[in-house]
Amino acid sequence: MQCLSQAVEFDAQLLQKYNQALPRYTSYPPATELRPDFAPEQLQRAIAQGNAHQTPLSLYCHLPFCEQACYFCGCNTIITRRKAVIQPYLEDLIRHINQVADLITPGSGSDGIVNAHRPVEQMHWGGGTPNYLSIEQVEYLWDALHRRFVFSPEAEISIEINPCAADRDYIFALKRIGFNRISFGIQDFDPQVQTAVNRIQPEAMLFDVMRWIREAGFLSVNVDLIYGLPFQTLETFRNTVEKTKALNPDRVAVFNFAYVPWMKPIQKKMPVEEMPSAAEKLAILQMTITELTADGYVFIGMDHFAKPNDELAIAQRAGELHRNFQGYTTKPESDLLGFGITSISMVQDVYLQNHKRLKDFTQSLDQGELPLAKGVKLSHDDLIRRTVIMELMCEFQVTAADLVEKYNLDVDLNFDEYFAPELPALDALETDGLIHRWRDGFVVTPIGRLLIRNVAAVFDTYLAQRNTQVFSRSI
């Protein structure tokens, strides 16, 4: 793998030309391809295959509860102020954990320890609002997971928090329990924008939360920004970027707001007439990239930035960056096990999603069944295309030899022969200056890096059959 500079060049005309609704490619095929006509035994077989290969594990726990709705949010949440709903959900969550853990080490029982040859390299708690739980409930779930899984000493263990629901004692308790990475959403520092999206977060509170996180000794802090929200302008968002730089997080994610009220009706509560124009959004994006990279952040890919000494930047320089449903990761290829409603598991050549409705999730557990709603088994062609797309999203380049070596593909891959139908589209991208072709692959240019989703989409054989309204635009 050739080590490349991660410079980004901005071409407004090309960005407008290629600004299409496309998947974010945290997986391939995307989650939109999961179907209800699947056999739950597929997960059992995939886990058995992972057991045989001693594939490391990545865990995700979905904690869906929030006290109030943020109008921009696209997550699967349950809005309630009734804290009494948490404990029954935790009991179901732990039943699900034990159910899956028994497949990793059959016959171990609910108090058994799973095979140490399948260590957990990564765990993430998302939501919703994971810190909606009390510290006692956090410890309860933490202990249940550690009874059933062996965690690597170097495991990346992260949690999302809502700063409005966190104080110093809570943050220090999370670190004491064992979390070593933390993330929180800022979206925008401007009070008018915060009011419009129903997420009021005073500036002083955000700086207090960051100070407590640093004092507690977390290894890495990620913050999220969103551009395209009501009342944002180039100058107001420049102020948000300046304050974010002063906050000094290790990683920054800058997301393009996806206005999809037909999927998320709550977005209708926002004043759509106050959203920035397409031209203003492009100006905001260019300014954000310029400011963050000038401040020393490395453009990791698509909408993520990291400090040069952060693990993400180091892994990308070494050609060891990976991507899954949890986003970018430095950990080796793992089987992802998703626990709780809506969670997705990504195990060997199978993706499966749990029930979205709490009632259906609980009913399946009561009947002794895996709480699965839909899934898909990847074909051999899917696996090859997945390796290409993931490599593009992580490294901005592809060579057949590197793919075979890095992902252990059981195929003698001749790039131009295998992807002959895609060559005209690649030629068009090269003509526009987005990529540079070479003998058995290509590299994405600095101009093309902001359009990496468009480059990846060339290899997506499902795209033409899909309703693209479910996706956000690439810029």
Protein backbone atom coordinates (compact mmCIF):
# COMPACT_ATOMS: atom_id res chain seq x y z
CA MET A 1 0.00 0.00 0.00
CA GLN A 2 1.40 3.31 -1.11
CA CYS A 3 1.35 5.99 1.63
CA LEU A 4 -0.33 9.14 0.31
CA SER A 5 -0.78 12.70 1.48
CA GLN A 6 -4.31 13.28 2.72
CA ALA A 7 -4.62 16.75 1.17
CA VAL A 8 -8.09 17.82 0.01
CA GLU A 9 -8.80 20.14 -2.89
CA PHE A 10 -12.11 21.93 -3.35
CA ASP A 11 -13.81 22.23 -6.74
CA ALA A 12 -17.29 23.72 -6.35
CA GLN A 13 -18.35 22.90 -9.91
CA LEU A 14 -17.48 19.22 -9.56
CA LEU A 15 -19.07 19.02 -6.12
CA GLN A 16 -22.33 20.38 -7.52
CA LYS A 17 -22.16 17.99 -10.48
CA TYR A 18 -21.71 14.93 -8.27
CA ASN A 19 -23.93 15.96 -5.35
CA GLN A 20 -26.16 12.89 -5.40
CA ALA A 21 -28.10 10.94 -2.79
CA LEU A 22 -25.86 7.96 -2.00
CA PRO A 23 -25.19 5.46 0.80
CA ARG A 24 -22.59 6.33 3.42
CA TYR A 25 -21.01 2.90 2.87
CA THR A 26 -20.45 1.90 6.45
CA SER A 27 -21.20 -1.46 4.90
CA TYR A 28 -21.64 -3.06 1.51
CA PRO A 29 -24.25 -3.96 0.60
CA PRO A 30 -25.82 -1.06 2.56
CA ALA A 31 -28.35 -1.83 5.28
CA THR A 32 -31.14 -0.99 2.83
CA GLU A 33 -30.55 -4.41 1.25
CA LEU A 34 -31.52 -6.34 4.39
CA ARG A 35 -34.71 -8.32 3.78
CA PRO A 36 -37.26 -10.08 6.02
CA ASP A 37 -37.04 -13.33 4.02
CA PHE A 38 -33.95 -14.72 5.72
CA ALA A 39 -33.27 -17.70 7.99
CA PRO A 40 -32.11 -16.97 11.57
CA GLU A 41 -29.87 -20.02 11.20
CA GLN A 42 -27.71 -17.87 8.94
CA LEU A 43 -26.46 -15.98 11.97
CA GLN A 44 -25.78 -19.22 13.82
CA ARG A 45 -23.77 -20.58 10.89
CA ALA A 46 -21.85 -17.30 10.52
CA ILE A 47 -20.97 -17.26 14.22
CA ALA A 48 -19.80 -20.87 13.97
CA GLN A 49 -17.60 -19.89 11.04
CA GLY A 50 -16.17 -17.02 13.08
CA ASN A 51 -15.53 -19.43 15.95
CA ALA A 52 -13.56 -21.68 13.60
CA HIS A 53 -11.53 -18.72 12.29
CA GLN A 54 -11.13 -17.23 15.79
CA THR A 55 -12.24 -13.89 14.40
CA PRO A 56 -12.04 -11.06 16.97
CA LEU A 57 -15.27 -9.42 18.11
CA SER A 58 -16.73 -5.93 18.06
CA LEU A 59 -19.80 -5.24 20.22
CA TYR A 60 -22.51 -2.61 19.91
CA CYS A 61 -25.22 -1.92 22.50
CA HIS A 62 -28.17 0.24 21.48
CA LEU A 63 -29.66 2.29 24.31
CA PRO A 64 -32.56 4.07 22.64
CA PHE A 65 -34.00 6.33 25.34
CA CYS A 66 -33.98 10.15 25.20
CA GLU A 67 -35.79 12.69 27.37
CA GLN A 68 -36.61 14.89 24.38
CA ALA A 69 -36.40 14.69 20.62
CA CYS A 70 -33.72 16.51 18.64
CA TYR A 71 -35.36 17.51 15.37
CA PHE A 72 -32.30 16.75 13.24
CA CYS A 73 -31.81 13.23 14.62
CA GLY A 74 -32.00 10.24 12.31
CA CYS A 75 -31.41 7.61 15.01
CA ASN A 76 -33.91 5.05 16.27
CA THR A 77 -34.98 6.48 19.62
CA ILE A 78 -37.66 6.18 22.27
CA ILE A 79 -38.63 9.57 23.71
CA THR A 80 -39.71 9.30 27.33
CA ARG A 81 -39.12 10.85 30.75
CA ARG A 82 -40.16 7.63 32.51
CA LYS A 83 -36.89 6.25 33.84
CA ALA A 84 -38.77 3.12 34.93
CA VAL A 85 -38.62 1.85 31.33
CA ILE A 86 -34.84 1.40 31.47
CA GLN A 87 -34.45 -1.60 33.76
CA PRO A 88 -36.87 -3.89 31.87
CA TYR A 89 -35.04 -3.01 28.65
CA LEU A 90 -31.68 -3.79 30.27
CA GLU A 91 -33.00 -7.19 31.34
CA ASP A 92 -34.04 -7.90 27.73
CA LEU A 93 -30.71 -6.59 26.47
CA ILE A 94 -28.82 -8.95 28.77
CA ARG A 95 -31.03 -11.86 27.71
CA HIS A 96 -30.04 -11.06 24.14
CA ILE A 97 -26.35 -10.84 25.07
CA ASN A 98 -26.48 -14.25 26.76
CA GLN A 99 -28.38 -15.73 23.83
CA VAL A 100 -25.67 -14.70 21.35
CA ALA A 101 -22.78 -15.47 23.71
CA ASP A 102 -24.05 -19.04 23.98
CA LEU A 103 -23.53 -19.37 20.22
CA ILE A 104 -19.91 -18.31 20.54
CA THR A 105 -19.17 -20.86 23.25
CA PRO A 106 -22.03 -23.39 23.09
CA GLY A 107 -23.09 -24.78 26.42
CA SER A 108 -21.25 -22.18 28.50
CA GLY A 109 -24.40 -21.07 30.28
CA SER A 110 -25.32 -17.54 31.32
CA ASP A 111 -22.43 -17.35 33.80
CA GLY A 112 -19.84 -18.91 31.52
CA ILE A 113 -16.93 -17.12 29.88
CA VAL A 114 -16.73 -17.20 26.11
CA ASN A 115 -13.73 -18.51 24.23
CA ALA A 116 -10.72 -16.30 24.91
CA HIS A 117 -9.60 -16.94 21.33
CA ARG A 118 -12.32 -14.49 20.23
CA PRO A 119 -11.39 -11.36 22.19
CA VAL A 120 -13.45 -8.19 22.05
CA GLU A 121 -11.31 -5.57 20.32
CA GLN A 122 -13.95 -2.84 20.20
CA MET A 123 -17.19 -1.97 22.01
CA HIS A 124 -19.48 1.00 21.52
CA TRP A 125 -22.63 2.10 23.34
CA GLY A 126 -24.88 4.32 21.25
CA GLY A 127 -28.43 5.49 21.14
CA GLY A 128 -30.51 7.38 21.94
CA THR A 129 -28.76 8.67 25.00
CA PRO A 130 -26.61 6.03 26.71
CA ASN A 131 -26.07 8.34 29.70
CA TYR A 132 -29.84 8.28 30.21
CA LEU A 133 -28.86 5.27 32.34
CA SER A 134 -27.83 5.76 35.95
CA ILE A 135 -24.25 4.84 36.79
CA GLU A 136 -25.59 1.79 38.63
CA GLN A 137 -27.38 0.68 35.46
CA VAL A 138 -24.23 1.31 33.40
CA GLU A 139 -22.30 -0.96 35.77
CA TYR A 140 -25.06 -3.57 35.63
CA LEU A 141 -24.84 -3.82 31.84
CA TRP A 142 -21.04 -3.58 31.88
CA ASP A 143 -20.77 -6.51 34.30
CA ALA A 144 -23.17 -8.61 32.22
CA LEU A 145 -21.02 -8.08 29.12
CA HIS A 146 -17.79 -8.86 30.94
CA ARG A 147 -19.24 -12.10 32.32
CA ARG A 148 -19.76 -13.35 28.79
CA PHE A 149 -16.90 -11.88 26.75
CA VAL A 150 -13.13 -11.60 27.12
CA PHE A 151 -11.94 -8.09 26.35
CA SER A 152 -8.52 -7.38 24.88
CA PRO A 153 -6.38 -5.17 27.17
CA GLU A 154 -6.10 -2.75 24.23
CA ALA A 155 -9.83 -2.79 23.42
CA GLU A 156 -11.37 0.46 22.23
CA ILE A 157 -14.40 0.98 24.48
CA SER A 158 -16.47 4.04 23.64
CA ILE A 159 -19.74 5.65 24.64
CA GLU A 160 -21.87 8.48 23.29
CA ILE A 161 -23.16 11.00 25.79
CA ASN A 162 -25.58 13.91 25.78
CA PRO A 163 -23.68 16.76 27.49
CA CYS A 164 -26.94 18.06 28.96
CA ALA A 165 -27.29 14.85 30.98
CA ALA A 166 -23.70 14.53 32.23
CA ASP A 167 -21.93 16.04 35.20
CA ARG A 168 -18.35 15.67 36.42
CA ASP A 169 -19.10 12.73 38.72
CA TYR A 170 -20.87 10.82 35.92
CA ILE A 171 -18.00 11.31 33.47
CA PHE A 172 -15.39 10.24 36.03
CA ALA A 173 -17.52 7.19 36.84
CA LEU A 174 -17.59 6.16 33.16
CA LYS A 175 -13.80 6.27 33.08
CA ARG A 176 -13.56 4.32 36.34
CA ILE A 177 -15.87 1.63 34.98
CA GLY A 178 -13.63 1.15 31.95
CA PHE A 179 -14.68 3.35 29.01
CA ASN A 180 -11.63 4.88 27.36
CA ARG A 181 -13.21 6.87 24.51
CA ILE A 182 -16.16 9.21 24.50
CA SER A 183 -18.13 11.21 21.97
CA PHE A 184 -20.79 13.90 22.08
CA GLY A 185 -22.74 16.00 19.63
CA ILE A 186 -22.30 19.74 19.39
CA GLN A 187 -24.03 20.23 16.02
CA ASP A 188 -23.72 24.03 16.30
CA PHE A 189 -22.76 26.53 19.00
CA ASP A 190 -25.22 29.17 17.77
CA PRO A 191 -28.21 29.57 20.16
CA GLN A 192 -30.64 30.33 17.32
CA VAL A 193 -29.67 27.14 15.50
CA GLN A 194 -29.88 25.14 18.73
CA THR A 195 -33.40 26.43 19.37
CA ALA A 196 -34.48 25.57 15.83
CA VAL A 197 -33.35 21.95 16.20
CA ASN A 198 -34.50 21.59 19.85
CA ARG A 199 -31.02 20.89 21.24
CA ILE A 200 -30.09 23.67 23.69
CA GLN A 201 -26.46 23.31 24.82
CA PRO A 202 -24.90 26.41 26.40
CA GLU A 203 -21.32 27.02 25.34
CA ALA A 204 -20.04 27.08 28.93
CA MET A 205 -21.58 23.66 29.56
CA LEU A 206 -19.84 22.15 26.53
CA PHE A 207 -16.47 23.46 27.67
CA ASP A 208 -17.12 22.16 31.20
CA VAL A 209 -17.91 18.70 29.83
CA MET A 210 -14.74 18.67 27.75
CA ARG A 211 -12.66 19.76 30.73
CA TRP A 212 -14.09 16.96 32.87
CA ILE A 213 -13.42 14.41 30.11
CA ARG A 214 -9.79 15.53 29.91
CA GLU A 215 -9.40 15.48 33.69
CA ALA A 216 -10.83 11.97 33.81
CA GLY A 217 -8.15 10.79 31.36
CA PHE A 218 -10.10 9.49 28.37
CA LEU A 219 -7.79 8.46 25.52
CA SER A 220 -9.81 10.13 22.79
CA VAL A 221 -12.73 12.54 22.45
CA ASN A 222 -14.92 12.85 19.35
CA VAL A 223 -17.38 15.66 18.67
CA ASP A 224 -20.00 15.94 15.94
CA LEU A 225 -20.96 19.01 13.92
CA ILE A 226 -23.78 19.24 11.38
CA TYR A 227 -24.00 21.71 8.51
CA GLY A 228 -27.22 22.46 6.63
CA LEU A 229 -29.35 23.25 9.70
CA PRO A 230 -31.78 26.20 9.90
CA PHE A 231 -30.27 29.67 10.43
CA GLN A 232 -26.73 28.54 9.67
CA THR A 233 -24.64 30.88 7.55
CA LEU A 234 -21.00 30.84 6.55
CA GLU A 235 -20.12 33.29 9.31
CA THR A 236 -22.16 31.69 12.09
CA PHE A 237 -20.69 28.27 11.29
CA ARG A 238 -17.20 29.75 11.13
CA ASN A 239 -17.80 30.79 14.73
CA THR A 240 -18.85 27.21 15.56
CA VAL A 241 -15.68 25.85 13.96
CA GLU A 242 -13.51 28.33 15.88
CA LYS A 243 -15.11 27.30 19.17
CA THR A 244 -14.74 23.62 18.25
CA LYS A 245 -11.02 24.16 17.65
CA ALA A 246 -10.80 25.86 21.05
CA LEU A 247 -12.52 22.82 22.55
CA ASN A 248 -9.62 20.80 21.08
CA PRO A 249 -11.21 17.36 20.49
CA ASP A 250 -9.12 14.49 19.10
CA ARG A 251 -11.63 13.75 16.36
CA VAL A 252 -14.26 15.85 14.61
CA ALA A 253 -17.09 14.53 12.45
CA VAL A 254 -18.76 17.10 10.19
CA PHE A 255 -22.01 15.70 8.83
CA ASN A 256 -24.18 17.00 6.03
CA PHE A 257 -27.72 17.31 7.39
CA ALA A 258 -30.09 14.94 5.61
CA TYR A 259 -33.55 16.51 5.40
CA VAL A 260 -35.81 13.48 4.94
CA PRO A 261 -39.17 14.39 6.54
CA TRP A 262 -40.89 11.53 4.67
CA MET A 263 -38.74 9.19 6.79
CA LYS A 264 -38.34 11.34 9.92
CA PRO A 265 -41.56 13.38 10.28
CA ILE A 266 -40.20 15.22 13.32
CA GLN A 267 -37.92 17.15 10.95
CA LYS A 268 -41.04 19.04 9.81
CA LYS A 269 -40.81 20.96 13.08
CA MET A 270 -37.76 22.80 11.74
CA PRO A 271 -38.21 25.94 9.60
CA VAL A 272 -37.15 24.59 6.21
CA GLU A 273 -37.22 28.07 4.70
CA GLU A 274 -34.33 29.04 7.01
CA MET A 275 -32.02 26.26 5.88
CA PRO A 276 -28.90 27.40 3.99
CA SER A 277 -28.91 27.21 0.21
CA ALA A 278 -26.84 24.66 -1.67
CA ALA A 279 -24.25 27.32 -2.47
CA GLU A 280 -24.04 28.40 1.17
CA LYS A 281 -23.62 24.79 2.28
CA LEU A 282 -20.72 24.36 -0.13
CA ALA A 283 -19.12 27.52 1.21
CA ILE A 284 -19.60 26.25 4.78
CA LEU A 285 -18.03 22.91 3.88
CA GLN A 286 -15.03 24.51 2.20
CA MET A 287 -14.45 26.85 5.13
CA THR A 288 -14.72 23.97 7.62
CA ILE A 289 -12.20 21.83 5.78
CA THR A 290 -9.81 24.76 5.39
CA GLU A 291 -10.04 25.75 9.06
CA LEU A 292 -9.70 22.24 10.49
CA THR A 293 -6.80 21.18 8.26
CA ALA A 294 -5.04 24.51 8.88
CA ASP A 295 -5.36 23.75 12.59
CA GLY A 296 -3.52 20.45 12.07
CA TYR A 297 -6.41 18.00 11.71
CA VAL A 298 -6.02 15.23 9.13
CA PHE A 299 -8.88 14.55 6.73
CA ILE A 300 -9.55 10.86 7.39
CA GLY A 301 -12.32 10.34 4.92
CA MET A 302 -15.69 11.66 3.80
CA ASP A 303 -16.60 13.76 6.85
CA HIS A 304 -14.11 12.77 9.57
CA PHE A 305 -11.04 14.61 10.84
CA ALA A 306 -8.46 13.56 13.43
CA LYS A 307 -5.33 14.96 14.98
CA PRO A 308 -2.12 13.61 13.40
CA ASN A 309 -1.24 11.65 16.56
CA ASP A 310 -4.71 10.12 16.86
CA GLU A 311 -5.01 6.37 16.23
CA LEU A 312 -7.23 6.95 13.17
CA ALA A 313 -4.65 9.13 11.45
CA ILE A 314 -1.80 6.78 12.40
CA ALA A 315 -3.73 3.74 11.12
CA GLN A 316 -4.56 5.45 7.84
CA ARG A 317 -0.92 6.38 7.23
CA ALA A 318 0.02 2.74 7.87
CA GLY A 319 -2.72 1.40 5.57
CA GLU A 320 -4.45 -0.26 8.54
CA LEU A 321 -7.69 1.73 8.79
CA HIS A 322 -10.97 -0.21 8.71
CA ARG A 323 -14.65 0.66 8.47
CA ASN A 324 -17.84 -1.01 9.66
CA PHE A 325 -21.35 -0.09 10.83
CA GLN A 326 -19.72 1.80 13.73
CA GLY A 327 -17.70 3.97 11.33
CA TYR A 328 -13.92 4.19 11.07
CA THR A 329 -11.88 1.98 13.38
CA THR A 330 -8.25 1.09 13.94
CA LYS A 331 -9.04 -2.44 15.03
CA PRO A 332 -8.55 -5.54 12.86
CA GLU A 333 -11.34 -7.09 10.84
CA SER A 334 -13.88 -8.27 13.42
CA ASP A 335 -17.32 -9.79 13.65
CA LEU A 336 -19.71 -7.08 14.84
CA LEU A 337 -22.44 -8.24 17.24
CA GLY A 338 -25.30 -5.77 17.70
CA PHE A 339 -27.38 -5.97 20.89
CA GLY A 340 -30.73 -4.27 21.47
CA ILE A 341 -33.47 -2.95 19.23
CA THR A 342 -32.53 -1.90 15.67
CA SER A 343 -28.89 -3.01 16.13
CA ILE A 344 -27.13 -4.59 13.17
CA SER A 345 -24.76 -7.54 13.36
CA MET A 346 -22.10 -7.97 10.69
CA VAL A 347 -20.76 -11.52 11.03
CA GLN A 348 -18.57 -13.11 8.35
CA ASP A 349 -20.73 -12.98 5.20
CA VAL A 350 -24.05 -12.17 6.90
CA TYR A 351 -25.70 -8.91 8.02
CA LEU A 352 -28.72 -9.10 10.33
CA GLN A 353 -30.80 -6.41 12.03
CA ASN A 354 -32.82 -6.78 15.22
CA HIS A 355 -36.46 -5.79 15.57
CA LYS A 356 -37.06 -2.03 15.70
CA ARG A 357 -40.12 -2.21 17.92
CA LEU A 358 -39.51 -2.94 21.58
CA LYS A 359 -42.61 -5.15 21.72
CA ASP A 360 -41.35 -7.41 18.92
CA PHE A 361 -37.86 -7.54 20.43
CA THR A 362 -39.18 -8.68 23.82
CA GLN A 363 -41.64 -11.15 22.31
CA SER A 364 -38.88 -12.93 20.38
CA LEU A 365 -36.78 -13.26 23.52
CA ASP A 366 -39.77 -14.59 25.46
CA GLN A 367 -40.19 -17.26 22.80
CA GLY A 368 -36.52 -18.21 22.99
CA GLU A 369 -35.83 -16.85 19.50
CA LEU A 370 -33.16 -14.51 18.23
CA PRO A 371 -34.87 -11.07 17.95
CA LEU A 372 -34.04 -10.69 14.26
CA ALA A 373 -36.18 -8.74 11.80
CA LYS A 374 -34.25 -8.94 8.54
CA GLY A 375 -30.93 -9.85 7.05
CA VAL A 376 -28.86 -10.58 3.98
CA LYS A 377 -26.21 -13.14 3.07
CA LEU A 378 -23.43 -11.72 0.94
CA SER A 379 -22.52 -13.39 -2.32
CA HIS A 380 -18.91 -13.92 -3.37
CA ASP A 381 -19.24 -10.90 -5.66
CA ASP A 382 -20.60 -8.84 -2.74
CA LEU A 383 -17.54 -9.75 -0.67
CA ILE A 384 -15.15 -8.64 -3.41
CA ARG A 385 -17.00 -5.39 -3.96
CA ARG A 386 -17.13 -4.81 -0.22
CA THR A 387 -13.36 -5.04 -0.02
CA VAL A 388 -12.99 -2.49 -2.82
CA ILE A 389 -15.47 -0.04 -1.31
CA MET A 390 -14.09 -0.32 2.22
CA GLU A 391 -10.55 0.20 0.92
CA LEU A 392 -11.65 3.30 -0.95
CA MET A 393 -13.43 4.72 2.09
CA CYS A 394 -10.37 4.13 4.29
CA GLU A 395 -7.35 4.61 2.04
CA PHE A 396 -8.52 6.51 -1.06
CA GLN A 397 -6.87 3.94 -3.33
CA VAL A 398 -7.26 0.38 -4.57
CA THR A 399 -4.89 -2.21 -5.99
CA ALA A 400 -5.85 -5.81 -6.64
CA ALA A 401 -2.73 -7.17 -4.93
CA ASP A 402 -3.35 -5.15 -1.76
CA LEU A 403 -6.97 -6.29 -1.63
CA VAL A 404 -6.07 -9.95 -1.87
CA GLU A 405 -3.35 -9.61 0.78
CA LYS A 406 -5.20 -7.35 3.24
CA TYR A 407 -8.57 -9.11 3.12
CA ASN A 408 -7.43 -12.66 2.38
CA LEU A 409 -9.59 -12.91 -0.72
CA ASP A 410 -9.70 -16.44 -2.08
CA VAL A 411 -9.48 -15.21 -5.65
CA ASP A 412 -6.75 -14.31 -8.13
CA LEU A 413 -8.15 -10.87 -8.80
CA ASN A 414 -7.38 -9.15 -12.09
CA PHE A 415 -8.88 -5.71 -11.49
CA ASP A 416 -9.54 -4.65 -15.09
CA GLU A 417 -11.01 -8.02 -16.04
CA TYR A 418 -13.25 -8.43 -12.99
CA PHE A 419 -14.53 -4.86 -13.11
CA ALA A 420 -14.72 -4.50 -16.89
CA PRO A 421 -18.36 -3.24 -16.73
CA GLU A 422 -17.25 -0.48 -14.34
CA LEU A 423 -14.32 0.75 -16.45
CA PRO A 424 -16.33 3.31 -18.49
CA ALA A 425 -17.57 4.92 -15.26
CA LEU A 426 -14.02 4.97 -13.89
CA ASP A 427 -12.84 6.55 -17.13
CA ALA A 428 -15.44 9.30 -16.68
CA LEU A 429 -14.24 9.92 -13.11
CA GLU A 430 -10.68 10.12 -14.38
CA THR A 431 -11.70 12.58 -17.09
CA ASP A 432 -13.21 14.80 -14.39
CA GLY A 433 -10.02 14.51 -12.33
CA LEU A 434 -11.52 12.54 -9.42
CA ILE A 435 -9.25 9.51 -9.79
CA HIS A 436 -5.99 8.49 -11.45
CA ARG A 437 -5.97 4.99 -13.00
CA TRP A 438 -3.05 2.59 -12.81
CA ARG A 439 -2.48 -0.96 -13.98
CA ASP A 440 -4.46 -2.95 -11.40
CA GLY A 441 -6.45 -0.24 -9.65
CA PHE A 442 -6.56 3.51 -9.10
CA VAL A 443 -6.01 6.31 -6.60
CA VAL A 444 -8.50 9.02 -5.63
CA THR A 445 -7.14 12.51 -6.22
CA PRO A 446 -7.27 15.36 -3.69
CA ILE A 447 -10.20 16.78 -5.69
CA GLY A 448 -12.03 13.43 -5.55
CA ARG A 449 -11.68 12.78 -1.82
CA LEU A 450 -14.73 14.81 -0.89
CA LEU A 451 -16.67 12.73 -3.43
CA ILE A 452 -15.46 9.36 -2.18
CA ARG A 453 -19.06 8.11 -1.90
CA ASN A 454 -19.50 8.77 -5.63
CA VAL A 455 -16.34 6.83 -6.41
CA ALA A 456 -17.42 3.93 -4.20
CA ALA A 457 -20.87 3.93 -5.81
CA VAL A 458 -19.33 2.84 -9.13
CA PHE A 459 -18.91 -0.63 -7.60
CA ASP A 460 -22.40 -0.74 -6.06
CA THR A 461 -24.48 -3.14 -8.16
CA TYR A 462 -27.62 -2.50 -6.06
CA LEU A 463 -27.75 1.26 -6.52
CA ALA A 464 -29.81 1.36 -9.71
CA GLN A 465 -32.56 -0.72 -8.06
CA ARG A 466 -32.71 1.39 -4.89
CA ASN A 467 -34.91 4.25 -3.77
CA THR A 468 -32.24 6.88 -3.25
CA GLN A 469 -34.59 9.03 -1.16
CA VAL A 470 -33.44 7.05 1.87
CA PHE A 471 -29.90 8.45 1.54
CA SER A 472 -28.32 11.80 2.27
CA ARG A 473 -26.58 13.73 -0.49
CA SER A 474 -22.85 13.22 -0.89
CA ILE A 475 -22.15 16.88 -0.10
